[in-house]
Amino acid sequence: MTLALAMGADFIMLGRYFARFDESPTRKLVVNGAYVKEYWGEGSNRARNWQRYDDGGKGGKMAFEEGVDSYVPYAGKLKDNLDSSLAKMKATMCSCGSSSIPELQEKARLVVVSSTSIVEGGAHDVITKNNDTTIR
């Protein structure tokens, strides 16, 4: 989200983001042992109807599917996740020295980073603690 805004976006489409939460009207299912929520993009066959996708021609239908009918990982309550997402956006803006979106768009710089840099920049050569782990 922050990258899109930094690159100059005036708005961002967040259907897949919001589809993950309890407040989404879709069903919560278990797929391959993990909880997921159903999701379909606006350009998918499932979402189509002539009012949204009339191309103005005689057929009145689009020739190909542009979206997917799939699942997204279940994420719980919107409130809990939205606070985290906003905190990450604010931290990124702060790292760029920005206190507003226009200032972010002016100051942000994208830098290509190698996969080795990502590994070296994070925790490595350690065994991370897990709250479920009991030492015996």
N, C-alpha and C. Protein backbone atom coordinates (compact mmCIF):
# COMPACT_ATOMS: atom_id res chain seq x y z
N MET A 1 0.83 -1.19 0.00
CA MET A 1 0.00 0.00 0.00
C MET A 1 0.87 1.25 0.00
N THR A 2 1.89 1.26 0.86
CA THR A 2 2.75 2.42 0.96
C THR A 2 3.56 2.62 -0.32
N LEU A 3 4.00 1.52 -0.93
CA LEU A 3 4.74 1.64 -2.19
C LEU A 3 3.88 2.26 -3.27
N ALA A 4 2.63 1.84 -3.37
CA ALA A 4 1.74 2.39 -4.39
C ALA A 4 1.56 3.90 -4.18
N LEU A 5 1.34 4.29 -2.93
CA LEU A 5 1.18 5.71 -2.63
C LEU A 5 2.48 6.48 -2.91
N ALA A 6 3.62 5.88 -2.55
CA ALA A 6 4.90 6.54 -2.78
C ALA A 6 5.17 6.74 -4.26
N MET A 7 4.69 5.81 -5.08
CA MET A 7 4.92 5.90 -6.52
C MET A 7 3.95 6.86 -7.21
N GLY A 8 3.05 7.47 -6.43
CA GLY A 8 2.18 8.49 -7.00
C GLY A 8 0.70 8.15 -7.07
N ALA A 9 0.31 6.99 -6.57
CA ALA A 9 -1.11 6.60 -6.63
C ALA A 9 -1.97 7.58 -5.81
N ASP A 10 -3.12 7.91 -6.36
CA ASP A 10 -4.08 8.74 -5.64
C ASP A 10 -5.02 7.89 -4.80
N PHE A 11 -5.13 6.63 -5.17
CA PHE A 11 -5.95 5.69 -4.41
C PHE A 11 -5.41 4.29 -4.67
N ILE A 12 -5.80 3.35 -3.81
CA ILE A 12 -5.38 1.96 -3.99
C ILE A 12 -6.60 1.06 -3.82
N MET A 13 -6.64 0.01 -4.61
CA MET A 13 -7.74 -0.95 -4.54
C MET A 13 -7.38 -2.00 -3.51
N LEU A 14 -8.26 -2.23 -2.54
CA LEU A 14 -7.94 -3.08 -1.41
C LEU A 14 -8.93 -4.23 -1.21
N GLY A 15 -9.56 -4.68 -2.29
CA GLY A 15 -10.53 -5.77 -2.17
C GLY A 15 -9.94 -7.01 -1.56
N ARG A 16 -8.78 -7.43 -2.03
CA ARG A 16 -8.15 -8.64 -1.51
C ARG A 16 -7.73 -8.45 -0.05
N TYR A 17 -7.28 -7.25 0.30
CA TYR A 17 -6.90 -6.96 1.69
C TYR A 17 -8.11 -7.14 2.61
N PHE A 18 -9.24 -6.52 2.26
CA PHE A 18 -10.42 -6.57 3.12
C PHE A 18 -11.12 -7.92 3.09
N ALA A 19 -10.94 -8.70 2.04
CA ALA A 19 -11.59 -10.00 1.92
C ALA A 19 -11.12 -10.98 2.99
N ARG A 20 -9.98 -10.76 3.60
CA ARG A 20 -9.38 -11.69 4.57
C ARG A 20 -10.03 -11.65 5.94
N PHE A 21 -10.83 -10.64 6.21
CA PHE A 21 -11.29 -10.40 7.58
C PHE A 21 -12.67 -10.96 7.88
N ASP A 22 -12.96 -11.07 9.19
CA ASP A 22 -14.27 -11.55 9.66
C ASP A 22 -15.41 -10.75 9.06
N GLU A 23 -15.21 -9.47 8.88
CA GLU A 23 -16.27 -8.58 8.41
C GLU A 23 -16.63 -8.80 6.94
N SER A 24 -15.79 -9.49 6.21
CA SER A 24 -16.10 -9.80 4.81
C SER A 24 -17.26 -10.80 4.78
N PRO A 25 -18.20 -10.63 3.86
CA PRO A 25 -19.37 -11.52 3.83
C PRO A 25 -19.09 -12.92 3.28
N THR A 26 -17.88 -13.20 2.86
CA THR A 26 -17.59 -14.51 2.28
C THR A 26 -17.39 -15.56 3.36
N ARG A 27 -17.45 -16.82 2.93
CA ARG A 27 -17.33 -17.95 3.86
C ARG A 27 -15.88 -18.15 4.31
N LYS A 28 -15.73 -18.57 5.56
CA LYS A 28 -14.42 -18.99 6.07
C LYS A 28 -14.35 -20.51 5.92
N LEU A 29 -13.29 -21.00 5.29
CA LEU A 29 -13.14 -22.42 5.01
C LEU A 29 -11.77 -22.90 5.48
N VAL A 30 -11.61 -24.23 5.53
CA VAL A 30 -10.30 -24.82 5.78
C VAL A 30 -9.84 -25.45 4.47
N VAL A 31 -8.71 -25.00 3.95
CA VAL A 31 -8.13 -25.53 2.71
C VAL A 31 -6.68 -25.93 3.02
N ASN A 32 -6.38 -27.18 2.81
CA ASN A 32 -5.03 -27.72 3.11
C ASN A 32 -4.60 -27.41 4.54
N GLY A 33 -5.54 -27.51 5.47
CA GLY A 33 -5.23 -27.32 6.89
C GLY A 33 -5.13 -25.89 7.35
N ALA A 34 -5.39 -24.93 6.49
CA ALA A 34 -5.31 -23.51 6.86
C ALA A 34 -6.66 -22.83 6.64
N TYR A 35 -6.98 -21.88 7.52
CA TYR A 35 -8.21 -21.11 7.34
C TYR A 35 -8.02 -20.08 6.23
N VAL A 36 -9.02 -20.00 5.37
CA VAL A 36 -9.01 -19.06 4.26
C VAL A 36 -10.40 -18.45 4.11
N LYS A 37 -10.47 -17.37 3.36
CA LYS A 37 -11.76 -16.77 2.99
C LYS A 37 -11.83 -16.76 1.47
N GLU A 38 -13.04 -16.91 0.94
CA GLU A 38 -13.23 -16.86 -0.50
C GLU A 38 -12.98 -15.43 -0.99
N TYR A 39 -12.44 -15.34 -2.20
CA TYR A 39 -12.18 -14.04 -2.80
C TYR A 39 -12.32 -14.16 -4.31
N TRP A 40 -12.96 -13.19 -4.91
CA TRP A 40 -13.00 -13.14 -6.37
C TRP A 40 -12.83 -11.69 -6.82
N GLY A 41 -11.97 -11.52 -7.80
CA GLY A 41 -11.71 -10.20 -8.33
C GLY A 41 -12.86 -9.69 -9.17
N GLU A 42 -12.96 -8.40 -9.30
CA GLU A 42 -14.07 -7.78 -10.04
C GLU A 42 -14.09 -8.17 -11.51
N GLY A 43 -12.96 -8.57 -12.07
CA GLY A 43 -12.93 -8.98 -13.47
C GLY A 43 -13.10 -10.48 -13.66
N SER A 44 -13.42 -11.21 -12.59
CA SER A 44 -13.59 -12.66 -12.70
C SER A 44 -14.97 -12.99 -13.26
N ASN A 45 -15.09 -14.21 -13.78
CA ASN A 45 -16.39 -14.64 -14.29
C ASN A 45 -17.45 -14.60 -13.20
N ARG A 46 -17.08 -14.89 -11.96
CA ARG A 46 -18.03 -14.91 -10.86
C ARG A 46 -18.62 -13.52 -10.58
N ALA A 47 -17.83 -12.48 -10.76
CA ALA A 47 -18.27 -11.12 -10.42
C ALA A 47 -18.96 -10.41 -11.57
N ARG A 48 -18.84 -10.92 -12.76
CA ARG A 48 -19.34 -10.20 -13.94
C ARG A 48 -20.86 -10.08 -13.98
N ASN A 49 -21.29 -9.00 -14.52
CA ASN A 49 -22.67 -8.83 -14.95
C ASN A 49 -22.68 -7.73 -16.00
N TRP A 50 -23.70 -7.67 -16.80
CA TRP A 50 -23.71 -6.75 -17.94
C TRP A 50 -23.65 -5.30 -17.52
N GLN A 51 -24.15 -4.96 -16.33
CA GLN A 51 -24.14 -3.56 -15.89
C GLN A 51 -22.72 -3.05 -15.68
N ARG A 52 -21.84 -3.90 -15.18
CA ARG A 52 -20.47 -3.47 -14.92
C ARG A 52 -19.55 -3.69 -16.10
N TYR A 53 -19.86 -4.68 -16.95
CA TYR A 53 -18.91 -5.07 -17.98
C TYR A 53 -19.46 -5.01 -19.40
N ASP A 54 -20.37 -4.12 -19.67
CA ASP A 54 -20.87 -3.92 -21.01
C ASP A 54 -19.82 -3.16 -21.82
N ASP A 55 -19.36 -3.76 -22.90
CA ASP A 55 -18.31 -3.10 -23.70
C ASP A 55 -18.88 -2.18 -24.77
N GLY A 56 -20.19 -2.03 -24.83
CA GLY A 56 -20.80 -1.12 -25.78
C GLY A 56 -21.07 -1.73 -27.14
N GLY A 57 -20.61 -2.95 -27.36
CA GLY A 57 -20.81 -3.60 -28.65
C GLY A 57 -22.11 -4.39 -28.68
N LYS A 58 -22.32 -5.08 -29.79
CA LYS A 58 -23.56 -5.85 -29.94
C LYS A 58 -23.63 -7.01 -28.96
N GLY A 59 -22.48 -7.63 -28.68
CA GLY A 59 -22.46 -8.76 -27.76
C GLY A 59 -22.68 -8.35 -26.32
N GLY A 60 -22.16 -7.20 -25.94
CA GLY A 60 -22.35 -6.69 -24.59
C GLY A 60 -21.55 -7.44 -23.54
N LYS A 61 -20.62 -8.31 -23.94
CA LYS A 61 -19.85 -9.07 -22.96
C LYS A 61 -18.36 -8.95 -23.26
N MET A 62 -17.58 -9.02 -22.21
CA MET A 62 -16.13 -9.00 -22.40
C MET A 62 -15.68 -10.35 -22.93
N ALA A 63 -14.60 -10.37 -23.67
CA ALA A 63 -14.14 -11.57 -24.34
C ALA A 63 -13.28 -12.46 -23.45
N PHE A 64 -12.76 -11.96 -22.34
CA PHE A 64 -11.88 -12.77 -21.51
C PHE A 64 -12.00 -12.37 -20.04
N GLU A 65 -11.61 -13.30 -19.19
CA GLU A 65 -11.65 -13.08 -17.75
C GLU A 65 -10.41 -12.30 -17.32
N GLU A 66 -10.60 -11.28 -16.47
CA GLU A 66 -9.48 -10.46 -16.03
C GLU A 66 -9.16 -10.64 -14.55
N GLY A 67 -9.99 -11.32 -13.81
CA GLY A 67 -9.78 -11.50 -12.38
C GLY A 67 -9.78 -12.97 -12.01
N VAL A 68 -9.52 -13.25 -10.75
CA VAL A 68 -9.45 -14.63 -10.28
C VAL A 68 -10.55 -14.93 -9.28
N ASP A 69 -10.91 -16.19 -9.20
CA ASP A 69 -11.84 -16.72 -8.21
C ASP A 69 -10.97 -17.63 -7.34
N SER A 70 -10.70 -17.22 -6.10
CA SER A 70 -9.68 -17.91 -5.33
C SER A 70 -9.95 -17.80 -3.83
N TYR A 71 -8.89 -18.03 -3.05
CA TYR A 71 -8.93 -17.90 -1.59
C TYR A 71 -7.81 -16.97 -1.15
N VAL A 72 -8.04 -16.31 -0.01
CA VAL A 72 -7.00 -15.51 0.63
C VAL A 72 -6.86 -16.00 2.06
N PRO A 73 -5.66 -15.90 2.64
CA PRO A 73 -5.48 -16.35 4.02
C PRO A 73 -6.39 -15.58 4.97
N TYR A 74 -7.04 -16.30 5.87
CA TYR A 74 -7.91 -15.68 6.88
C TYR A 74 -7.05 -14.89 7.86
N ALA A 75 -7.51 -13.69 8.24
CA ALA A 75 -6.69 -12.83 9.09
C ALA A 75 -7.39 -12.34 10.36
N GLY A 76 -8.61 -12.79 10.65
CA GLY A 76 -9.27 -12.38 11.88
C GLY A 76 -10.06 -11.10 11.74
N LYS A 77 -10.00 -10.27 12.78
CA LYS A 77 -10.80 -9.05 12.82
C LYS A 77 -10.10 -7.90 12.09
N LEU A 78 -10.88 -7.11 11.39
CA LEU A 78 -10.37 -5.95 10.66
C LEU A 78 -9.64 -4.99 11.59
N LYS A 79 -10.24 -4.66 12.72
CA LYS A 79 -9.65 -3.68 13.65
C LYS A 79 -8.23 -4.05 14.04
N ASP A 80 -8.00 -5.31 14.38
CA ASP A 80 -6.66 -5.74 14.82
C ASP A 80 -5.64 -5.59 13.70
N ASN A 81 -6.01 -5.94 12.49
CA ASN A 81 -5.10 -5.90 11.36
C ASN A 81 -4.94 -4.50 10.79
N LEU A 82 -5.98 -3.72 10.78
CA LEU A 82 -5.90 -2.36 10.24
C LEU A 82 -4.94 -1.52 11.06
N ASP A 83 -4.98 -1.66 12.38
CA ASP A 83 -4.04 -0.92 13.23
C ASP A 83 -2.60 -1.27 12.87
N SER A 84 -2.33 -2.55 12.65
CA SER A 84 -0.98 -2.99 12.29
C SER A 84 -0.57 -2.44 10.92
N SER A 85 -1.48 -2.50 9.95
CA SER A 85 -1.18 -2.00 8.61
C SER A 85 -0.89 -0.50 8.63
N LEU A 86 -1.69 0.25 9.37
CA LEU A 86 -1.48 1.69 9.47
C LEU A 86 -0.16 2.01 10.17
N ALA A 87 0.20 1.22 11.19
CA ALA A 87 1.47 1.43 11.89
C ALA A 87 2.64 1.18 10.94
N LYS A 88 2.54 0.17 10.10
CA LYS A 88 3.61 -0.12 9.13
C LYS A 88 3.72 1.00 8.10
N MET A 89 2.59 1.52 7.65
CA MET A 89 2.62 2.62 6.69
C MET A 89 3.26 3.86 7.31
N LYS A 90 2.87 4.17 8.55
CA LYS A 90 3.44 5.33 9.24
C LYS A 90 4.94 5.17 9.46
N ALA A 91 5.37 3.94 9.81
CA ALA A 91 6.81 3.69 10.02
C ALA A 91 7.58 3.89 8.72
N THR A 92 7.02 3.42 7.61
CA THR A 92 7.68 3.59 6.32
C THR A 92 7.76 5.06 5.94
N MET A 93 6.68 5.78 6.16
CA MET A 93 6.68 7.22 5.87
C MET A 93 7.71 7.94 6.73
N CYS A 94 7.79 7.54 8.00
CA CYS A 94 8.76 8.15 8.91
C CYS A 94 10.19 7.87 8.45
N SER A 95 10.43 6.65 7.95
CA SER A 95 11.76 6.30 7.44
C SER A 95 12.14 7.15 6.23
N CYS A 96 11.14 7.62 5.52
CA CYS A 96 11.38 8.49 4.35
C CYS A 96 11.42 9.96 4.75
N GLY A 97 11.20 10.25 6.03
CA GLY A 97 11.18 11.64 6.48
C GLY A 97 9.93 12.37 6.05
N SER A 98 8.80 11.63 5.93
CA SER A 98 7.56 12.22 5.42
C SER A 98 6.47 12.17 6.48
N SER A 99 5.68 13.24 6.55
CA SER A 99 4.56 13.26 7.48
C SER A 99 3.22 13.35 6.74
N SER A 100 3.27 13.33 5.41
CA SER A 100 2.04 13.35 4.62
C SER A 100 2.26 12.54 3.34
N ILE A 101 1.19 12.16 2.69
CA ILE A 101 1.31 11.40 1.44
C ILE A 101 1.97 12.23 0.34
N PRO A 102 1.59 13.49 0.14
CA PRO A 102 2.31 14.28 -0.87
C PRO A 102 3.81 14.38 -0.59
N GLU A 103 4.17 14.50 0.67
CA GLU A 103 5.59 14.56 1.03
C GLU A 103 6.26 13.20 0.78
N LEU A 104 5.56 12.12 1.05
CA LEU A 104 6.08 10.77 0.75
C LEU A 104 6.34 10.63 -0.74
N GLN A 105 5.40 11.10 -1.56
CA GLN A 105 5.54 11.00 -3.01
C GLN A 105 6.73 11.83 -3.51
N GLU A 106 7.04 12.88 -2.81
CA GLU A 106 8.17 13.72 -3.20
C GLU A 106 9.51 13.11 -2.74
N LYS A 107 9.55 12.56 -1.53
CA LYS A 107 10.81 12.12 -0.94
C LYS A 107 11.17 10.65 -1.14
N ALA A 108 10.19 9.80 -1.36
CA ALA A 108 10.45 8.35 -1.43
C ALA A 108 11.34 8.00 -2.60
N ARG A 109 12.23 7.06 -2.38
CA ARG A 109 13.11 6.54 -3.43
C ARG A 109 13.09 5.03 -3.35
N LEU A 110 12.85 4.37 -4.48
CA LEU A 110 12.87 2.91 -4.52
C LEU A 110 14.27 2.46 -4.88
N VAL A 111 14.76 1.45 -4.17
CA VAL A 111 16.10 0.95 -4.37
C VAL A 111 16.02 -0.56 -4.58
N VAL A 112 16.69 -1.06 -5.60
CA VAL A 112 16.74 -2.50 -5.84
C VAL A 112 17.66 -3.12 -4.80
N VAL A 113 17.17 -4.17 -4.15
CA VAL A 113 17.93 -4.83 -3.10
C VAL A 113 18.06 -6.30 -3.46
N SER A 114 19.24 -6.86 -3.30
CA SER A 114 19.47 -8.27 -3.63
C SER A 114 18.88 -9.17 -2.55
N SER A 115 18.65 -10.42 -2.89
CA SER A 115 18.12 -11.37 -1.92
C SER A 115 19.11 -11.58 -0.78
N THR A 116 20.40 -11.50 -1.07
CA THR A 116 21.43 -11.62 -0.02
C THR A 116 21.33 -10.46 0.97
N SER A 117 21.08 -9.26 0.47
CA SER A 117 20.93 -8.10 1.35
C SER A 117 19.74 -8.26 2.28
N ILE A 118 18.68 -8.84 1.77
CA ILE A 118 17.49 -9.05 2.60
C ILE A 118 17.81 -10.03 3.72
N VAL A 119 18.51 -11.13 3.40
CA VAL A 119 18.89 -12.11 4.42
C VAL A 119 19.82 -11.47 5.44
N GLU A 120 20.85 -10.77 4.97
CA GLU A 120 21.82 -10.16 5.88
C GLU A 120 21.21 -9.04 6.72
N GLY A 121 20.19 -8.37 6.19
CA GLY A 121 19.55 -7.28 6.92
C GLY A 121 18.60 -7.75 8.00
N GLY A 122 18.19 -9.01 7.94
CA GLY A 122 17.26 -9.55 8.93
C GLY A 122 17.99 -10.40 9.96
N ALA A 123 17.21 -11.01 10.83
CA ALA A 123 17.79 -11.93 11.82
C ALA A 123 18.28 -13.18 11.09
N HIS A 124 19.55 -13.52 11.28
CA HIS A 124 20.08 -14.72 10.63
C HIS A 124 21.08 -15.38 11.57
N ASP A 125 21.33 -16.64 11.33
CA ASP A 125 22.23 -17.45 12.16
C ASP A 125 21.77 -17.50 13.62
N VAL A 126 20.47 -17.47 13.82
CA VAL A 126 19.90 -17.60 15.16
C VAL A 126 18.71 -18.55 15.08
N ILE A 127 18.32 -19.06 16.22
CA ILE A 127 17.08 -19.85 16.30
C ILE A 127 16.06 -18.93 16.96
N THR A 128 15.04 -18.55 16.21
CA THR A 128 14.06 -17.62 16.75
C THR A 128 13.18 -18.31 17.78
N LYS A 129 12.74 -17.54 18.76
CA LYS A 129 11.88 -18.06 19.81
C LYS A 129 10.45 -18.14 19.31
N ASN A 130 9.76 -19.18 19.72
CA ASN A 130 8.36 -19.37 19.40
C ASN A 130 7.63 -19.51 20.73
N ASN A 131 6.55 -18.80 20.93
CA ASN A 131 5.82 -18.84 22.20
C ASN A 131 5.32 -20.24 22.53
N ASP A 132 5.17 -21.10 21.53
CA ASP A 132 4.66 -22.45 21.78
C ASP A 132 5.78 -23.44 22.12
N THR A 133 7.03 -23.00 22.07
CA THR A 133 8.16 -23.89 22.28
C THR A 133 8.44 -24.02 23.78
N THR A 134 8.57 -25.25 24.24
CA THR A 134 8.93 -25.50 25.63
C THR A 134 10.34 -26.12 25.64
N ILE A 135 11.24 -25.53 26.42
CA ILE A 135 12.60 -26.06 26.54
C ILE A 135 12.59 -27.10 27.65
N ARG A 136 13.13 -28.26 27.33
CA ARG A 136 13.15 -29.36 28.32
C ARG A 136 14.54 -29.78 28.62
